[in-house]
PDB file of N, CA and C in Angstrom:
ATOM      1  N   MET A   1       0.409  -0.996  -0.279  1.00  0.00           N
ATOM      2  CA  MET A   1      -0.247  -0.054   0.109  1.00  0.00           C
ATOM      3  C   MET A   1       1.073   1.373  -0.006  1.00  0.00           C
ATOM      4  N   GLU A   2       0.531   2.051  -0.741  1.00  0.00           N
ATOM      5  CA  GLU A   2       0.927   3.623  -0.958  1.00  0.00           C
ATOM      6  C   GLU A   2       0.605   4.470   0.304  1.00  0.00           C
ATOM      7  N   VAL A   3       1.835   4.798   0.973  1.00  0.00           N
ATOM      8  CA  VAL A   3       1.198   6.068   2.155  1.00  0.00           C
ATOM      9  C   VAL A   3       1.787   7.690   1.308  1.00  0.00           C
ATOM     10  N   LYS A   4       1.807   8.667   0.898  1.00  0.00           N
ATOM     11  CA  LYS A   4       2.345   9.826   1.087  1.00  0.00           C
ATOM     12  C   LYS A   4       2.307  10.783   2.027  1.00  0.00           C
ATOM     13  N   ILE A   5       3.448  11.331   2.197  1.00  0.00           N
ATOM     14  CA  ILE A   5       3.254  12.286   3.596  1.00  0.00           C
ATOM     15  C   ILE A   5       3.735  13.559   2.832  1.00  0.00           C
ATOM     16  N   GLY A   6       3.025  14.556   3.264  1.00  0.00           N
ATOM     17  CA  GLY A   6       3.666  15.932   3.375  1.00  0.00           C
ATOM     18  C   GLY A   6       4.446  16.635   4.393  1.00  0.00           C
ATOM     19  N   VAL A   7       5.138  17.416   4.297  1.00  0.00           N
ATOM     20  CA  VAL A   7       6.371  17.839   5.073  1.00  0.00           C
ATOM     21  C   VAL A   7       5.813  19.529   5.033  1.00  0.00           C
ATOM     22  N   GLN A   8       5.459  20.477   6.113  1.00  0.00           N
ATOM     23  CA  GLN A   8       5.577  21.636   5.856  1.00  0.00           C
ATOM     24  C   GLN A   8       6.532  22.235   5.433  1.00  0.00           C
ATOM     25  N   ASN A   9       6.405  23.031   4.440  1.00  0.00           N
ATOM     26  CA  ASN A   9       8.134  23.734   4.062  1.00  0.00           C
ATOM     27  C   ASN A   9       8.547  23.251   3.740  1.00  0.00           C
ATOM     28  N   VAL A  10       8.111  22.156   2.961  1.00  0.00           N
ATOM     29  CA  VAL A  10       9.356  21.532   2.174  1.00  0.00           C
ATOM     30  C   VAL A  10       8.666  20.746   0.629  1.00  0.00           C
ATOM     31  N   GLY A  11       9.240  21.093  -0.081  1.00  0.00           N
ATOM     32  CA  GLY A  11       8.422  20.841  -1.909  1.00  0.00           C
ATOM     33  C   GLY A  11       8.097  19.897  -2.239  1.00  0.00           C
ATOM     34  N   ARG A  12       8.676  18.861  -1.669  1.00  0.00           N
ATOM     35  CA  ARG A  12       8.499  17.068  -2.364  1.00  0.00           C
ATOM     36  C   ARG A  12       8.184  16.198  -0.959  1.00  0.00           C
ATOM     37  N   GLU A  13       7.349  15.502  -1.233  1.00  0.00           N
ATOM     38  CA  GLU A  13       6.477  14.498  -0.463  1.00  0.00           C
ATOM     39  C   GLU A  13       7.176  13.406  -0.280  1.00  0.00           C
ATOM     40  N   LEU A  14       7.008  12.427   0.477  1.00  0.00           N
ATOM     41  CA  LEU A  14       7.887  11.358   1.050  1.00  0.00           C
ATOM     42  C   LEU A  14       6.749  10.417   1.176  1.00  0.00           C
ATOM     43  N   VAL A  15       7.227   9.120  -0.103  1.00  0.00           N
ATOM     44  CA  VAL A  15       6.323   8.260  -0.707  1.00  0.00           C
ATOM     45  C   VAL A  15       6.772   6.661  -0.208  1.00  0.00           C
ATOM     46  N   ILE A  16       6.061   6.063   0.544  1.00  0.00           N
ATOM     47  CA  ILE A  16       6.172   5.230   0.806  1.00  0.00           C
ATOM     48  C   ILE A  16       5.569   3.918   0.866  1.00  0.00           C
ATOM     49  N   GLU A  17       6.164   2.659   0.664  1.00  0.00           N
ATOM     50  CA  GLU A  17       5.241   1.148   0.133  1.00  0.00           C
ATOM     51  C   GLU A  17       5.105   0.719   1.549  1.00  0.00           C
ATOM     52  N   SER A  18       4.023   0.890   2.482  1.00  0.00           N
ATOM     53  CA  SER A  18       4.404   0.099   3.355  1.00  0.00           C
ATOM     54  C   SER A  18       3.336  -1.315   3.425  1.00  0.00           C
ATOM     55  N   ALA A  19       3.832  -2.715   4.011  1.00  0.00           N
ATOM     56  CA  ALA A  19       2.736  -3.963   3.844  1.00  0.00           C
ATOM     57  C   ALA A  19       1.800  -3.729   5.383  1.00  0.00           C
ATOM     58  N   GLN A  20       1.645  -2.660   5.943  1.00  0.00           N
ATOM     59  CA  GLN A  20       0.708  -1.810   6.546  1.00  0.00           C
ATOM     60  C   GLN A  20      -0.703  -2.023   6.170  1.00  0.00           C
ATOM     61  N   THR A  21      -1.707  -2.160   6.979  1.00  0.00           N
ATOM     62  CA  THR A  21      -2.749  -1.833   6.435  1.00  0.00           C
ATOM     63  C   THR A  21      -3.348  -0.254   6.589  1.00  0.00           C
ATOM     64  N   PRO A  22      -4.345   0.280   5.631  1.00  0.00           N
ATOM     65  CA  PRO A  22      -4.439   1.814   6.049  1.00  0.00           C
ATOM     66  C   PRO A  22      -5.222   2.260   7.456  1.00  0.00           C
ATOM     67  N   ASP A  23      -6.011   0.794   7.635  1.00  0.00           N
ATOM     68  CA  ASP A  23      -6.125   1.163   9.294  1.00  0.00           C
ATOM     69  C   ASP A  23      -5.285   1.679  10.274  1.00  0.00           C
ATOM     70  N   GLN A  24      -4.386   0.678   9.972  1.00  0.00           N
ATOM     71  CA  GLN A  24      -3.047   0.846  11.018  1.00  0.00           C
ATOM     72  C   GLN A  24      -2.027   2.114  11.050  1.00  0.00           C
ATOM     73  N   VAL A  25      -2.475   2.287   9.569  1.00  0.00           N
ATOM     74  CA  VAL A  25      -1.621   3.890   9.149  1.00  0.00           C
ATOM     75  C   VAL A  25      -1.926   4.375   9.867  1.00  0.00           C
ATOM     76  N   ALA A  26      -3.681   5.055   9.432  1.00  0.00           N
ATOM     77  CA  ALA A  26      -4.521   5.467   9.819  1.00  0.00           C
ATOM     78  C   ALA A  26      -4.665   5.943  11.484  1.00  0.00           C
ATOM     79  N   GLU A  27      -4.532   4.692  12.320  1.00  0.00           N
ATOM     80  CA  GLU A  27      -4.397   5.007  13.231  1.00  0.00           C
ATOM     81  C   GLU A  27      -3.100   5.515  14.210  1.00  0.00           C
ATOM     82  N   LEU A  28      -1.797   5.328  13.758  1.00  0.00           N
ATOM     83  CA  LEU A  28      -0.416   5.880  13.949  1.00  0.00           C
ATOM     84  C   LEU A  28      -0.697   7.098  13.716  1.00  0.00           C
ATOM     85  N   VAL A  29      -0.995   7.918  12.487  1.00  0.00           N
ATOM     86  CA  VAL A  29      -1.327   9.142  12.271  1.00  0.00           C
ATOM     87  C   VAL A  29      -2.254   9.643  13.247  1.00  0.00           C
ATOM     88  N   GLU A  30      -3.575   9.354  13.660  1.00  0.00           N
ATOM     89  CA  GLU A  30      -4.312   9.976  14.556  1.00  0.00           C
ATOM     90  C   GLU A  30      -3.457   9.706  16.011  1.00  0.00           C
ATOM     91  N   LYS A  31      -2.952   8.922  16.617  1.00  0.00           N
ATOM     92  CA  LYS A  31      -1.758   9.325  17.955  1.00  0.00           C
ATOM     93  C   LYS A  31      -0.922   9.958  17.522  1.00  0.00           C
ATOM     94  N   ALA A  32       0.014  10.401  16.271  1.00  0.00           N
ATOM     95  CA  ALA A  32       0.603  11.719  16.540  1.00  0.00           C
ATOM     96  C   ALA A  32       0.606  12.087  16.783  1.00  0.00           C
ATOM     97  N   ILE A  33      -0.953  12.626  15.975  1.00  0.00           N
ATOM     98  CA  ILE A  33      -1.346  14.255  16.189  1.00  0.00           C
ATOM     99  C   ILE A  33      -1.965  14.467  17.112  1.00  0.00           C
ATOM    100  N   ALA A  34      -2.160  13.651  18.204  1.00  0.00           N
ATOM    101  CA  ALA A  34      -3.396  13.590  19.390  1.00  0.00           C
ATOM    102  C   ALA A  34      -2.059  13.635  20.679  1.00  0.00           C
ATOM    103  N   GLY A  35      -1.308  13.591  19.692  1.00  0.00           N
ATOM    104  CA  GLY A  35       0.080  14.143  21.008  1.00  0.00           C
ATOM    105  C   GLY A  35       0.851  13.318  21.873  1.00  0.00           C
ATOM    106  N   GLU A  36       0.165  11.839  21.152  1.00  0.00           N
ATOM    107  CA  GLU A  36       0.943  10.425  21.860  1.00  0.00           C
ATOM    108  C   GLU A  36       2.876  10.412  21.607  1.00  0.00           C
ATOM    109  N   GLY A  37       3.965  11.182  22.283  1.00  0.00           N
ATOM    110  CA  GLY A  37       4.462  10.712  21.417  1.00  0.00           C
ATOM    111  C   GLY A  37       5.414  12.008  20.303  1.00  0.00           C
ATOM    112  N   GLY A  38       4.047  12.364  20.026  1.00  0.00           N
ATOM    113  CA  GLY A  38       4.872  13.329  18.607  1.00  0.00           C
ATOM    114  C   GLY A  38       5.236  13.140  17.482  1.00  0.00           C
ATOM    115  N   LEU A  39       5.350  11.823  17.360  1.00  0.00           N
ATOM    116  CA  LEU A  39       6.020  11.581  16.358  1.00  0.00           C
ATOM    117  C   LEU A  39       5.098  10.557  15.693  1.00  0.00           C
ATOM    118  N   LEU A  40       5.483  10.506  13.958  1.00  0.00           N
ATOM    119  CA  LEU A  40       4.756   9.857  13.440  1.00  0.00           C
ATOM    120  C   LEU A  40       6.238   8.901  12.543  1.00  0.00           C
ATOM    121  N   THR A  41       5.587   7.617  13.117  1.00  0.00           N
ATOM    122  CA  THR A  41       6.355   6.355  12.468  1.00  0.00           C
ATOM    123  C   THR A  41       5.943   5.239  11.933  1.00  0.00           C
ATOM    124  N   LEU A  42       6.817   5.063  10.752  1.00  0.00           N
ATOM    125  CA  LEU A  42       6.431   4.034   9.646  1.00  0.00           C
ATOM    126  C   LEU A  42       7.092   3.385   8.999  1.00  0.00           C
ATOM    127  N   VAL A  43       6.926   2.232   8.842  1.00  0.00           N
ATOM    128  CA  VAL A  43       7.791   1.268   8.488  1.00  0.00           C
ATOM    129  C   VAL A  43       7.707   0.811   6.935  1.00  0.00           C
ATOM    130  N   ASP A  44       8.276   0.867   6.284  1.00  0.00           N
ATOM    131  CA  ASP A  44       8.222   0.585   4.452  1.00  0.00           C
ATOM    132  C   ASP A  44       7.971  -1.152   4.646  1.00  0.00           C
ATOM    133  N   GLU A  45       7.801  -1.695   3.703  1.00  0.00           N
ATOM    134  CA  GLU A  45       8.457  -3.281   3.202  1.00  0.00           C
ATOM    135  C   GLU A  45       9.542  -3.648   3.319  1.00  0.00           C
ATOM    136  N   LYS A  46      10.828  -2.734   2.843  1.00  0.00           N
ATOM    137  CA  LYS A  46      12.022  -2.805   3.284  1.00  0.00           C
ATOM    138  C   LYS A  46      12.377  -3.214   4.619  1.00  0.00           C
ATOM    139  N   GLY A  47      11.710  -2.834   5.150  1.00  0.00           N
ATOM    140  CA  GLY A  47      12.178  -2.774   6.851  1.00  0.00           C
ATOM    141  C   GLY A  47      12.495  -1.563   7.628  1.00  0.00           C
ATOM    142  N   ARG A  48      12.638  -0.587   6.202  1.00  0.00           N
ATOM    143  CA  ARG A  48      13.191   0.909   7.087  1.00  0.00           C
ATOM    144  C   ARG A  48      12.177   1.492   7.457  1.00  0.00           C
ATOM    145  N   ARG A  49      12.514   2.384   8.519  1.00  0.00           N
ATOM    146  CA  ARG A  49      11.465   3.023   9.441  1.00  0.00           C
ATOM    147  C   ARG A  49      11.760   4.710   9.029  1.00  0.00           C
ATOM    148  N   VAL A  50      10.596   5.426   9.026  1.00  0.00           N
ATOM    149  CA  VAL A  50      10.178   6.489   8.281  1.00  0.00           C
ATOM    150  C   VAL A  50       9.657   7.707   9.643  1.00  0.00           C
ATOM    151  N   VAL A  51      10.445   8.445  10.212  1.00  0.00           N
ATOM    152  CA  VAL A  51      10.019   9.179  11.285  1.00  0.00           C
ATOM    153  C   VAL A  51       9.449  10.566  10.324  1.00  0.00           C
ATOM    154  N   VAL A  52       8.405  10.666  11.290  1.00  0.00           N
ATOM    155  CA  VAL A  52       8.299  11.995  10.783  1.00  0.00           C
ATOM    156  C   VAL A  52       7.807  13.421  11.777  1.00  0.00           C
ATOM    157  N   PRO A  53       8.266  14.556  12.721  1.00  0.00           N
ATOM    158  CA  PRO A  53       7.461  15.336  13.636  1.00  0.00           C
ATOM    159  C   PRO A  53       6.336  15.519  13.411  1.00  0.00           C
ATOM    160  N   ALA A  54       5.029  15.540  14.015  1.00  0.00           N
ATOM    161  CA  ALA A  54       3.697  14.957  13.745  1.00  0.00           C
ATOM    162  C   ALA A  54       3.434  16.860  13.499  1.00  0.00           C
ATOM    163  N   ALA A  55       4.197  17.807  14.550  1.00  0.00           N
ATOM    164  CA  ALA A  55       4.039  18.845  14.121  1.00  0.00           C
ATOM    165  C   ALA A  55       3.757  19.634  12.803  1.00  0.00           C
ATOM    166  N   LYS A  56       4.567  18.574  11.893  1.00  0.00           N
ATOM    167  CA  LYS A  56       5.525  19.404  10.637  1.00  0.00           C
ATOM    168  C   LYS A  56       4.823  18.766   9.731  1.00  0.00           C
ATOM    169  N   LEU A  57       3.607  17.590   9.891  1.00  0.00           N
ATOM    170  CA  LEU A  57       2.580  17.082   9.277  1.00  0.00           C
ATOM    171  C   LEU A  57       1.648  18.364   8.531  1.00  0.00           C
ATOM    172  N   ALA A  58       1.441  18.058   6.645  1.00  0.00           N
ATOM    173  CA  ALA A  58       1.106  19.097   6.148  1.00  0.00           C
ATOM    174  C   ALA A  58      -0.377  18.320   6.091  1.00  0.00           C
ATOM    175  N   TYR A  59       0.272  16.432   5.421  1.00  0.00           N
ATOM    176  CA  TYR A  59      -1.337  15.675   5.134  1.00  0.00           C
ATOM    177  C   TYR A  59      -0.613  14.553   5.257  1.00  0.00           C
ATOM    178  N   VAL A  60      -1.461  13.635   5.119  1.00  0.00           N
ATOM    179  CA  VAL A  60      -0.909  12.318   4.653  1.00  0.00           C
ATOM    180  C   VAL A  60      -2.114  11.662   3.668  1.00  0.00           C
ATOM    181  N   GLU A  61      -1.466  11.132   2.904  1.00  0.00           N
ATOM    182  CA  GLU A  61      -2.770  10.298   1.879  1.00  0.00           C
ATOM    183  C   GLU A  61      -2.376   9.253   1.966  1.00  0.00           C
ATOM    184  N   ILE A  62      -3.484   8.121   2.182  1.00  0.00           N
ATOM    185  CA  ILE A  62      -3.429   6.721   2.232  1.00  0.00           C
ATOM    186  C   ILE A  62      -4.071   5.801   0.768  1.00  0.00           C
ATOM    187  N   ALA A  63      -3.190   5.663   0.172  1.00  0.00           N
ATOM    188  CA  ALA A  63      -3.731   4.366  -0.856  1.00  0.00           C
ATOM    189  C   ALA A  63      -4.890   3.881  -0.482  1.00  0.00           C
ATOM    190  N   ALA A  64      -5.664   2.904  -1.411  1.00  0.00           N
ATOM    191  CA  ALA A  64      -6.586   1.718  -1.014  1.00  0.00           C
ATOM    192  C   ALA A  64      -5.379   0.663  -1.541  1.00  0.00           C
ATOM    193  N   GLN A  65      -5.442  -0.188  -0.541  1.00  0.00           N
ATOM    194  CA  GLN A  65      -4.865  -1.842  -1.166  1.00  0.00           C
ATOM    195  C   GLN A  65      -5.373  -1.770  -2.437  1.00  0.00           C
ATOM    196  N   GLU A  66      -4.191  -2.439  -2.846  1.00  0.00           N
ATOM    197  CA  GLU A  66      -4.834  -3.418  -4.472  1.00  0.00           C
ATOM    198  C   GLU A  66      -4.393  -4.547  -4.703  1.00  0.00           C
ATOM    199  N   VAL A  67      -5.288  -4.990  -5.238  1.00  0.00           N
ATOM    200  CA  VAL A  67      -5.085  -6.424  -5.416  1.00  0.00           C
ATOM    201  C   VAL A  67      -4.288  -7.231  -6.548  1.00  0.00           C
ATOM    202  N   ARG A  68      -3.114  -7.723  -6.198  1.00  0.00           N
ATOM    203  CA  ARG A  68      -2.449  -7.730  -7.238  1.00  0.00           C
ATOM    204  C   ARG A  68      -3.265  -9.508  -7.716  1.00  0.00           C
ATOM    205  N   ARG A  69      -3.117  -9.112  -9.611  1.00  0.00           N
ATOM    206  CA  ARG A  69      -3.616 -10.215  -9.956  1.00  0.00           C
ATOM    207  C   ARG A  69      -2.626 -10.670 -10.506  1.00  0.00           C
ATOM    208  N   VAL A  70      -3.073 -12.214 -11.199  1.00  0.00           N
ATOM    209  CA  VAL A  70      -1.652 -12.832 -11.713  1.00  0.00           C
ATOM    210  C   VAL A  70      -2.054 -13.451 -13.031  1.00  0.00           C
ATOM    211  N   GLY A  71      -1.801 -13.533 -14.372  1.00  0.00           N
ATOM    212  CA  GLY A  71      -2.247 -14.542 -15.172  1.00  0.00           C
ATOM    213  C   GLY A  71      -2.502 -13.367 -16.038  1.00  0.00           C
ATOM    214  N   PHE A  72      -2.704 -14.100 -17.446  1.00  0.00           N
ATOM    215  CA  PHE A  72      -3.074 -13.441 -18.607  1.00  0.00           C
ATOM    216  C   PHE A  72      -4.537 -12.931 -19.135  1.00  0.00           C
ATOM    217  N   GLY A  73      -5.766 -13.103 -18.143  1.00  0.00           N
ATOM    218  CA  GLY A  73      -7.402 -13.237 -18.133  1.00  0.00           C
ATOM    219  C   GLY A  73      -7.346 -12.081 -17.312  1.00  0.00           C
ATOM    220  N   ALA A  74      -6.509 -11.892 -16.343  1.00  0.00           N
ATOM    221  CA  ALA A  74      -7.218 -10.851 -15.573  1.00  0.00           C
ATOM    222  C   ALA A  74      -7.395  -9.510 -15.661  1.00  0.00           C
ATOM    223  N   ILE A  75      -8.641  -9.352 -15.788  1.00  0.00           N
ATOM    224  CA  ILE A  75      -8.661  -7.484 -16.108  1.00  0.00           C
ATOM    225  C   ILE A  75      -8.665  -6.775 -14.735  1.00  0.00           C
TER     226      ILE A  75
END
């Protein structure tokens, strides 16, 4: 699943491919904004951690999970 994070005063967004579910990511964002720790920490598919201060978040876009289809007949 793809997560895009906009950071205040930064021209580019962070794009992360995460194995977490959209609900898990949304919960982590809500906790970070609510002040529990003050940091948004996400882990990508390769195990790397991305840490962003919650006070600097501009937006977080959580893409829907895509089902990967296999085969020639899949549309």
